[in-house]
Amino acid sequence: MDPKTNADALKIMAARVGLPVSEYAEFVKGTKILSLDEALAFYKKDAGFTSIYGSSKIADDFNVKYEAYKTPQDINSYIDASLTQAIK
């Protein structure tokens, strides 16, 4: 989000996904990169789209309903906020 480091950030992220910087830059235009405080707020366990847990549950329910897979996933087993919380 810092204009001084934008070119370096794009180069790093584009390399990570194997795309040319110019192509990756188009994707970033529609991407909201959260601040640490914004990201931490989404780790609160809550229903709905204001929580990573709630939005994952909504997606999981959808996937079970439309048979993308048969059984609900244990969302708590694959979301770990500890790394994000540790840098606060």
PDB file of N, CA and C in Angstrom:
ATOM      1  N   MET A   1       0.812  -1.187   0.000  1.00  0.00           N
ATOM      2  CA  MET A   1       0.000   0.000   0.000  1.00  0.00           C
ATOM      3  C   MET A   1       0.865   1.264   0.000  1.00  0.00           C
ATOM      4  N   ASP A   2       2.139   1.126   0.267  1.00  0.00           N
ATOM      5  CA  ASP A   2       3.054   2.267   0.253  1.00  0.00           C
ATOM      6  C   ASP A   2       3.567   2.470  -1.169  1.00  0.00           C
ATOM      7  N   PRO A   3       3.292   3.603  -1.778  1.00  0.00           N
ATOM      8  CA  PRO A   3       3.741   3.836  -3.154  1.00  0.00           C
ATOM      9  C   PRO A   3       5.254   3.664  -3.346  1.00  0.00           C
ATOM     10  N   LYS A   4       6.032   3.904  -2.296  1.00  0.00           N
ATOM     11  CA  LYS A   4       7.492   3.765  -2.400  1.00  0.00           C
ATOM     12  C   LYS A   4       7.930   2.313  -2.561  1.00  0.00           C
ATOM     13  N   THR A   5       7.125   1.386  -2.069  1.00  0.00           N
ATOM     14  CA  THR A   5       7.503  -0.032  -2.140  1.00  0.00           C
ATOM     15  C   THR A   5       6.600  -0.836  -3.072  1.00  0.00           C
ATOM     16  N   ASN A   6       5.690  -0.154  -3.745  1.00  0.00           N
ATOM     17  CA  ASN A   6       4.703  -0.830  -4.586  1.00  0.00           C
ATOM     18  C   ASN A   6       5.347  -1.689  -5.675  1.00  0.00           C
ATOM     19  N   ALA A   7       6.325  -1.160  -6.366  1.00  0.00           N
ATOM     20  CA  ALA A   7       6.970  -1.912  -7.459  1.00  0.00           C
ATOM     21  C   ALA A   7       7.634  -3.180  -6.935  1.00  0.00           C
ATOM     22  N   ASP A   8       8.317  -3.072  -5.803  1.00  0.00           N
ATOM     23  CA  ASP A   8       8.965  -4.252  -5.217  1.00  0.00           C
ATOM     24  C   ASP A   8       7.928  -5.281  -4.766  1.00  0.00           C
ATOM     25  N   ALA A   9       6.853  -4.801  -4.156  1.00  0.00           N
ATOM     26  CA  ALA A   9       5.802  -5.714  -3.694  1.00  0.00           C
ATOM     27  C   ALA A   9       5.183  -6.461  -4.868  1.00  0.00           C
ATOM     28  N   LEU A  10       4.883  -5.743  -5.937  1.00  0.00           N
ATOM     29  CA  LEU A  10       4.309  -6.393  -7.122  1.00  0.00           C
ATOM     30  C   LEU A  10       5.263  -7.432  -7.697  1.00  0.00           C
ATOM     31  N   LYS A  11       6.534  -7.103  -7.739  1.00  0.00           N
ATOM     32  CA  LYS A  11       7.536  -8.031  -8.276  1.00  0.00           C
ATOM     33  C   LYS A  11       7.587  -9.314  -7.437  1.00  0.00           C
ATOM     34  N   ILE A  12       7.575  -9.164  -6.123  1.00  0.00           N
ATOM     35  CA  ILE A  12       7.636 -10.320  -5.226  1.00  0.00           C
ATOM     36  C   ILE A  12       6.377 -11.182  -5.362  1.00  0.00           C
ATOM     37  N   MET A  13       5.211 -10.543  -5.323  1.00  0.00           N
ATOM     38  CA  MET A  13       3.958 -11.299  -5.378  1.00  0.00           C
ATOM     39  C   MET A  13       3.753 -11.947  -6.746  1.00  0.00           C
ATOM     40  N   ALA A  14       4.113 -11.255  -7.816  1.00  0.00           N
ATOM     41  CA  ALA A  14       3.977 -11.823  -9.159  1.00  0.00           C
ATOM     42  C   ALA A  14       4.878 -13.043  -9.324  1.00  0.00           C
ATOM     43  N   ALA A  15       6.089 -12.954  -8.808  1.00  0.00           N
ATOM     44  CA  ALA A  15       7.018 -14.087  -8.894  1.00  0.00           C
ATOM     45  C   ALA A  15       6.471 -15.280  -8.125  1.00  0.00           C
ATOM     46  N   ARG A  16       5.834 -15.017  -7.013  1.00  0.00           N
ATOM     47  CA  ARG A  16       5.299 -16.089  -6.169  1.00  0.00           C
ATOM     48  C   ARG A  16       4.234 -16.908  -6.894  1.00  0.00           C
ATOM     49  N   VAL A  17       3.433 -16.254  -7.727  1.00  0.00           N
ATOM     50  CA  VAL A  17       2.372 -16.968  -8.438  1.00  0.00           C
ATOM     51  C   VAL A  17       2.716 -17.251  -9.895  1.00  0.00           C
ATOM     52  N   GLY A  18       3.928 -16.875 -10.305  1.00  0.00           N
ATOM     53  CA  GLY A  18       4.388 -17.206 -11.651  1.00  0.00           C
ATOM     54  C   GLY A  18       3.751 -16.392 -12.759  1.00  0.00           C
ATOM     55  N   LEU A  19       3.458 -15.122 -12.488  1.00  0.00           N
ATOM     56  CA  LEU A  19       2.876 -14.255 -13.502  1.00  0.00           C
ATOM     57  C   LEU A  19       3.804 -13.074 -13.784  1.00  0.00           C
ATOM     58  N   PRO A  20       3.715 -12.516 -14.986  1.00  0.00           N
ATOM     59  CA  PRO A  20       4.446 -11.273 -15.244  1.00  0.00           C
ATOM     60  C   PRO A  20       3.895 -10.161 -14.348  1.00  0.00           C
ATOM     61  N   VAL A  21       4.742  -9.244 -13.944  1.00  0.00           N
ATOM     62  CA  VAL A  21       4.335  -8.148 -13.066  1.00  0.00           C
ATOM     63  C   VAL A  21       3.158  -7.381 -13.666  1.00  0.00           C
ATOM     64  N   SER A  22       3.201  -7.116 -14.959  1.00  0.00           N
ATOM     65  CA  SER A  22       2.123  -6.343 -15.592  1.00  0.00           C
ATOM     66  C   SER A  22       0.774  -7.049 -15.466  1.00  0.00           C
ATOM     67  N   GLU A  23       0.772  -8.355 -15.585  1.00  0.00           N
ATOM     68  CA  GLU A  23      -0.475  -9.108 -15.464  1.00  0.00           C
ATOM     69  C   GLU A  23      -0.948  -9.149 -14.013  1.00  0.00           C
ATOM     70  N   TYR A  24      -0.023  -9.381 -13.098  1.00  0.00           N
ATOM     71  CA  TYR A  24      -0.387  -9.439 -11.680  1.00  0.00           C
ATOM     72  C   TYR A  24      -0.897  -8.088 -11.187  1.00  0.00           C
ATOM     73  N   ALA A  25      -0.329  -7.025 -11.688  1.00  0.00           N
ATOM     74  CA  ALA A  25      -0.744  -5.676 -11.280  1.00  0.00           C
ATOM     75  C   ALA A  25      -2.227  -5.447 -11.544  1.00  0.00           C
ATOM     76  N   GLU A  26      -2.765  -6.052 -12.579  1.00  0.00           N
ATOM     77  CA  GLU A  26      -4.193  -5.915 -12.880  1.00  0.00           C
ATOM     78  C   GLU A  26      -5.054  -6.569 -11.796  1.00  0.00           C
ATOM     79  N   PHE A  27      -4.592  -7.691 -11.238  1.00  0.00           N
ATOM     80  CA  PHE A  27      -5.332  -8.367 -10.177  1.00  0.00           C
ATOM     81  C   PHE A  27      -5.324  -7.540  -8.894  1.00  0.00           C
ATOM     82  N   VAL A  28      -4.213  -6.905  -8.606  1.00  0.00           N
ATOM     83  CA  VAL A  28      -4.068  -6.144  -7.368  1.00  0.00           C
ATOM     84  C   VAL A  28      -5.024  -4.958  -7.333  1.00  0.00           C
ATOM     85  N   LYS A  29      -5.376  -4.432  -8.481  1.00  0.00           N
ATOM     86  CA  LYS A  29      -6.300  -3.291  -8.519  1.00  0.00           C
ATOM     87  C   LYS A  29      -7.622  -3.616  -7.821  1.00  0.00           C
ATOM     88  N   GLY A  30      -8.048  -4.836  -7.860  1.00  0.00           N
ATOM     89  CA  GLY A  30      -9.303  -5.238  -7.228  1.00  0.00           C
ATOM     90  C   GLY A  30      -9.112  -5.918  -5.885  1.00  0.00           C
ATOM     91  N   THR A  31      -7.921  -5.822  -5.321  1.00  0.00           N
ATOM     92  CA  THR A  31      -7.601  -6.500  -4.073  1.00  0.00           C
ATOM     93  C   THR A  31      -7.475  -5.494  -2.939  1.00  0.00           C
ATOM     94  N   LYS A  32      -8.121  -5.772  -1.831  1.00  0.00           N
ATOM     95  CA  LYS A  32      -7.983  -4.937  -0.635  1.00  0.00           C
ATOM     96  C   LYS A  32      -6.983  -5.618   0.280  1.00  0.00           C
ATOM     97  N   ILE A  33      -5.861  -4.981   0.495  1.00  0.00           N
ATOM     98  CA  ILE A  33      -4.854  -5.512   1.412  1.00  0.00           C
ATOM     99  C   ILE A  33      -5.125  -4.891   2.775  1.00  0.00           C
ATOM    100  N   LEU A  34      -5.395  -5.742   3.739  1.00  0.00           N
ATOM    101  CA  LEU A  34      -5.783  -5.284   5.062  1.00  0.00           C
ATOM    102  C   LEU A  34      -4.591  -4.834   5.886  1.00  0.00           C
ATOM    103  N   SER A  35      -4.826  -3.841   6.727  1.00  0.00           N
ATOM    104  CA  SER A  35      -3.837  -3.488   7.742  1.00  0.00           C
ATOM    105  C   SER A  35      -3.856  -4.600   8.798  1.00  0.00           C
ATOM    106  N   LEU A  36      -2.881  -4.594   9.679  1.00  0.00           N
ATOM    107  CA  LEU A  36      -2.840  -5.613  10.734  1.00  0.00           C
ATOM    108  C   LEU A  36      -4.097  -5.542  11.602  1.00  0.00           C
ATOM    109  N   ASP A  37      -4.494  -4.352  11.994  1.00  0.00           N
ATOM    110  CA  ASP A  37      -5.689  -4.227  12.836  1.00  0.00           C
ATOM    111  C   ASP A  37      -6.946  -4.701  12.109  1.00  0.00           C
ATOM    112  N   GLU A  38      -7.055  -4.399  10.820  1.00  0.00           N
ATOM    113  CA  GLU A  38      -8.204  -4.871  10.042  1.00  0.00           C
ATOM    114  C   GLU A  38      -8.205  -6.397   9.961  1.00  0.00           C
ATOM    115  N   ALA A  39      -7.050  -6.975   9.715  1.00  0.00           N
ATOM    116  CA  ALA A  39      -6.953  -8.439   9.614  1.00  0.00           C
ATOM    117  C   ALA A  39      -7.302  -9.096  10.940  1.00  0.00           C
ATOM    118  N   LEU A  40      -6.801  -8.555  12.033  1.00  0.00           N
ATOM    119  CA  LEU A  40      -7.090  -9.136  13.340  1.00  0.00           C
ATOM    120  C   LEU A  40      -8.582  -9.125  13.647  1.00  0.00           C
ATOM    121  N   ALA A  41      -9.276  -8.085  13.220  1.00  0.00           N
ATOM    122  CA  ALA A  41     -10.721  -8.004  13.459  1.00  0.00           C
ATOM    123  C   ALA A  41     -11.464  -9.164  12.788  1.00  0.00           C
ATOM    124  N   PHE A  42     -10.996  -9.619  11.646  1.00  0.00           N
ATOM    125  CA  PHE A  42     -11.653 -10.723  10.932  1.00  0.00           C
ATOM    126  C   PHE A  42     -11.397 -12.082  11.583  1.00  0.00           C
ATOM    127  N   TYR A  43     -10.429 -12.158  12.495  1.00  0.00           N
ATOM    128  CA  TYR A  43     -10.161 -13.417  13.191  1.00  0.00           C
ATOM    129  C   TYR A  43     -11.059 -13.634  14.399  1.00  0.00           C
ATOM    130  N   LYS A  44     -11.935 -12.696  14.714  1.00  0.00           N
ATOM    131  CA  LYS A  44     -12.872 -12.904  15.809  1.00  0.00           C
ATOM    132  C   LYS A  44     -13.899 -13.947  15.376  1.00  0.00           C
ATOM    133  N   LYS A  45     -14.182 -14.874  16.267  1.00  0.00           N
ATOM    134  CA  LYS A  45     -15.149 -15.930  15.927  1.00  0.00           C
ATOM    135  C   LYS A  45     -16.548 -15.339  15.974  1.00  0.00           C
ATOM    136  N   ASP A  46     -17.170 -15.285  14.808  1.00  0.00           N
ATOM    137  CA  ASP A  46     -18.497 -14.693  14.671  1.00  0.00           C
ATOM    138  C   ASP A  46     -19.150 -15.278  13.432  1.00  0.00           C
ATOM    139  N   ALA A  47     -20.446 -15.125  13.332  1.00  0.00           N
ATOM    140  CA  ALA A  47     -21.169 -15.575  12.145  1.00  0.00           C
ATOM    141  C   ALA A  47     -21.106 -14.484  11.080  1.00  0.00           C
ATOM    142  N   GLY A  48     -21.257 -14.862   9.830  1.00  0.00           N
ATOM    143  CA  GLY A  48     -21.333 -13.881   8.750  1.00  0.00           C
ATOM    144  C   GLY A  48     -19.985 -13.523   8.144  1.00  0.00           C
ATOM    145  N   PHE A  49     -20.048 -12.548   7.256  1.00  0.00           N
ATOM    146  CA  PHE A  49     -18.869 -12.194   6.468  1.00  0.00           C
ATOM    147  C   PHE A  49     -17.903 -11.249   7.161  1.00  0.00           C
ATOM    148  N   THR A  50     -18.177 -10.863   8.400  1.00  0.00           N
ATOM    149  CA  THR A  50     -17.234 -10.013   9.131  1.00  0.00           C
ATOM    150  C   THR A  50     -16.204 -10.842   9.896  1.00  0.00           C
ATOM    151  N   SER A  51     -16.252 -12.140   9.721  1.00  0.00           N
ATOM    152  CA  SER A  51     -15.334 -13.062  10.385  1.00  0.00           C
ATOM    153  C   SER A  51     -14.865 -14.114   9.398  1.00  0.00           C
ATOM    154  N   ILE A  52     -13.589 -14.455   9.446  1.00  0.00           N
ATOM    155  CA  ILE A  52     -13.081 -15.517   8.575  1.00  0.00           C
ATOM    156  C   ILE A  52     -13.741 -16.854   8.932  1.00  0.00           C
ATOM    157  N   TYR A  53     -14.086 -17.014  10.204  1.00  0.00           N
ATOM    158  CA  TYR A  53     -14.777 -18.237  10.626  1.00  0.00           C
ATOM    159  C   TYR A  53     -16.194 -18.275  10.061  1.00  0.00           C
ATOM    160  N   GLY A  54     -16.899 -17.159  10.169  1.00  0.00           N
ATOM    161  CA  GLY A  54     -18.269 -17.093   9.663  1.00  0.00           C
ATOM    162  C   GLY A  54     -18.340 -17.240   8.157  1.00  0.00           C
ATOM    163  N   SER A  55     -17.465 -16.550   7.444  1.00  0.00           N
ATOM    164  CA  SER A  55     -17.491 -16.640   5.981  1.00  0.00           C
ATOM    165  C   SER A  55     -17.070 -18.031   5.513  1.00  0.00           C
ATOM    166  N   SER A  56     -16.150 -18.668   6.231  1.00  0.00           N
ATOM    167  CA  SER A  56     -15.753 -20.033   5.889  1.00  0.00           C
ATOM    168  C   SER A  56     -16.904 -21.001   6.123  1.00  0.00           C
ATOM    169  N   LYS A  57     -17.694 -20.778   7.174  1.00  0.00           N
ATOM    170  CA  LYS A  57     -18.863 -21.617   7.448  1.00  0.00           C
ATOM    171  C   LYS A  57     -19.906 -21.457   6.342  1.00  0.00           C
ATOM    172  N   ILE A  58     -20.109 -20.236   5.891  1.00  0.00           N
ATOM    173  CA  ILE A  58     -21.057 -19.999   4.794  1.00  0.00           C
ATOM    174  C   ILE A  58     -20.598 -20.741   3.537  1.00  0.00           C
ATOM    175  N   ALA A  59     -19.319 -20.639   3.218  1.00  0.00           N
ATOM    176  CA  ALA A  59     -18.785 -21.336   2.043  1.00  0.00           C
ATOM    177  C   ALA A  59     -18.882 -22.850   2.214  1.00  0.00           C
ATOM    178  N   ASP A  60     -18.587 -23.323   3.415  1.00  0.00           N
ATOM    179  CA  ASP A  60     -18.663 -24.760   3.687  1.00  0.00           C
ATOM    180  C   ASP A  60     -20.101 -25.266   3.521  1.00  0.00           C
ATOM    181  N   ASP A  61     -21.061 -24.536   4.074  1.00  0.00           N
ATOM    182  CA  ASP A  61     -22.470 -24.924   3.926  1.00  0.00           C
ATOM    183  C   ASP A  61     -22.869 -24.982   2.451  1.00  0.00           C
ATOM    184  N   PHE A  62     -22.432 -24.003   1.683  1.00  0.00           N
ATOM    185  CA  PHE A  62     -22.723 -23.957   0.241  1.00  0.00           C
ATOM    186  C   PHE A  62     -22.131 -25.188  -0.459  1.00  0.00           C
ATOM    187  N   ASN A  63     -20.880 -25.493  -0.143  1.00  0.00           N
ATOM    188  CA  ASN A  63     -20.205 -26.618  -0.798  1.00  0.00           C
ATOM    189  C   ASN A  63     -20.853 -27.958  -0.461  1.00  0.00           C
ATOM    190  N   VAL A  64     -21.317 -28.116   0.761  1.00  0.00           N
ATOM    191  CA  VAL A  64     -22.018 -29.348   1.130  1.00  0.00           C
ATOM    192  C   VAL A  64     -23.379 -29.397   0.434  1.00  0.00           C
ATOM    193  N   LYS A  65     -24.115 -28.284   0.471  1.00  0.00           N
ATOM    194  CA  LYS A  65     -25.442 -28.237  -0.144  1.00  0.00           C
ATOM    195  C   LYS A  65     -25.386 -28.592  -1.627  1.00  0.00           C
ATOM    196  N   TYR A  66     -24.386 -28.064  -2.332  1.00  0.00           N
ATOM    197  CA  TYR A  66     -24.290 -28.299  -3.775  1.00  0.00           C
ATOM    198  C   TYR A  66     -23.308 -29.409  -4.136  1.00  0.00           C
ATOM    199  N   GLU A  67     -22.991 -30.232  -3.125  1.00  0.00           N
ATOM    200  CA  GLU A  67     -22.237 -31.470  -3.278  1.00  0.00           C
ATOM    201  C   GLU A  67     -20.844 -31.304  -3.881  1.00  0.00           C
ATOM    202  N   ALA A  68     -20.201 -30.170  -3.573  1.00  0.00           N
ATOM    203  CA  ALA A  68     -18.784 -30.052  -3.927  1.00  0.00           C
ATOM    204  C   ALA A  68     -17.991 -31.071  -3.101  1.00  0.00           C
ATOM    205  N   TYR A  69     -18.464 -31.303  -1.890  1.00  0.00           N
ATOM    206  CA  TYR A  69     -17.998 -32.400  -1.045  1.00  0.00           C
ATOM    207  C   TYR A  69     -19.161 -32.807  -0.145  1.00  0.00           C
ATOM    208  N   LYS A  70     -19.050 -33.966   0.485  1.00  0.00           N
ATOM    209  CA  LYS A  70     -20.201 -34.552   1.168  1.00  0.00           C
ATOM    210  C   LYS A  70     -20.364 -34.126   2.625  1.00  0.00           C
ATOM    211  N   THR A  71     -19.274 -33.978   3.341  1.00  0.00           N
ATOM    212  CA  THR A  71     -19.386 -33.696   4.774  1.00  0.00           C
ATOM    213  C   THR A  71     -18.789 -32.329   5.103  1.00  0.00           C
ATOM    214  N   PRO A  72     -19.401 -31.644   6.081  1.00  0.00           N
ATOM    215  CA  PRO A  72     -18.868 -30.334   6.485  1.00  0.00           C
ATOM    216  C   PRO A  72     -17.427 -30.448   6.982  1.00  0.00           C
ATOM    217  N   GLN A  73     -16.677 -29.396   6.752  1.00  0.00           N
ATOM    218  CA  GLN A  73     -15.289 -29.355   7.184  1.00  0.00           C
ATOM    219  C   GLN A  73     -15.192 -28.785   8.605  1.00  0.00           C
ATOM    220  N   ASP A  74     -14.151 -29.155   9.321  1.00  0.00           N
ATOM    221  CA  ASP A  74     -13.892 -28.613  10.653  1.00  0.00           C
ATOM    222  C   ASP A  74     -13.089 -27.317  10.473  1.00  0.00           C
ATOM    223  N   ILE A  75     -13.804 -26.220  10.361  1.00  0.00           N
ATOM    224  CA  ILE A  75     -13.190 -24.926  10.062  1.00  0.00           C
ATOM    225  C   ILE A  75     -12.136 -24.552  11.106  1.00  0.00           C
ATOM    226  N   ASN A  76     -12.418 -24.826  12.359  1.00  0.00           N
ATOM    227  CA  ASN A  76     -11.457 -24.476  13.417  1.00  0.00           C
ATOM    228  C   ASN A  76     -10.136 -25.215  13.281  1.00  0.00           C
ATOM    229  N   SER A  77     -10.131 -26.314  12.553  1.00  0.00           N
ATOM    230  CA  SER A  77      -8.890 -27.091  12.431  1.00  0.00           C
ATOM    231  C   SER A  77      -7.931 -26.500  11.402  1.00  0.00           C
ATOM    232  N   TYR A  78      -8.396 -25.603  10.540  1.00  0.00           N
ATOM    233  CA  TYR A  78      -7.484 -25.068   9.533  1.00  0.00           C
ATOM    234  C   TYR A  78      -7.346 -23.548   9.537  1.00  0.00           C
ATOM    235  N   ILE A  79      -7.963 -22.889  10.489  1.00  0.00           N
ATOM    236  CA  ILE A  79      -7.738 -21.452  10.636  1.00  0.00           C
ATOM    237  C   ILE A  79      -6.935 -21.266  11.920  1.00  0.00           C
ATOM    238  N   ASP A  80      -5.793 -20.612  11.780  1.00  0.00           N
ATOM    239  CA  ASP A  80      -4.915 -20.390  12.926  1.00  0.00           C
ATOM    240  C   ASP A  80      -4.503 -18.916  12.938  1.00  0.00           C
ATOM    241  N   ALA A  81      -5.050 -18.187  13.859  1.00  0.00           N
ATOM    242  CA  ALA A  81      -4.778 -16.744  13.946  1.00  0.00           C
ATOM    243  C   ALA A  81      -3.477 -16.436  14.676  1.00  0.00           C
ATOM    244  N   SER A  82      -2.817 -17.423  15.223  1.00  0.00           N
ATOM    245  CA  SER A  82      -1.673 -17.167  16.108  1.00  0.00           C
ATOM    246  C   SER A  82      -0.528 -16.410  15.444  1.00  0.00           C
ATOM    247  N   LEU A  83      -0.236 -16.684  14.184  1.00  0.00           N
ATOM    248  CA  LEU A  83       0.860 -15.964  13.529  1.00  0.00           C
ATOM    249  C   LEU A  83       0.526 -14.483  13.337  1.00  0.00           C
ATOM    250  N   THR A  84      -0.693 -14.219  12.934  1.00  0.00           N
ATOM    251  CA  THR A  84      -1.116 -12.831  12.755  1.00  0.00           C
ATOM    252  C   THR A  84      -1.162 -12.118  14.102  1.00  0.00           C
ATOM    253  N   GLN A  85      -1.680 -12.781  15.099  1.00  0.00           N
ATOM    254  CA  GLN A  85      -1.764 -12.175  16.439  1.00  0.00           C
ATOM    255  C   GLN A  85      -0.378 -11.955  17.041  1.00  0.00           C
ATOM    256  N   ALA A  86       0.567 -12.792  16.700  1.00  0.00           N
ATOM    257  CA  ALA A  86       1.913 -12.688  17.275  1.00  0.00           C
ATOM    258  C   ALA A  86       2.658 -11.428  16.831  1.00  0.00           C
ATOM    259  N   ILE A  87       2.289 -10.864  15.698  1.00  0.00           N
ATOM    260  CA  ILE A  87       3.024  -9.679  15.250  1.00  0.00           C
ATOM    261  C   ILE A  87       2.401  -8.377  15.750  1.00  0.00           C
ATOM    262  N   LYS A  88       1.323  -8.472  16.483  1.00  0.00           N
ATOM    263  CA  LYS A  88       0.667  -7.273  17.040  1.00  0.00           C
ATOM    264  C   LYS A  88       1.479  -6.667  18.122  1.00  0.00           C
TER     265      LYS A  88
END
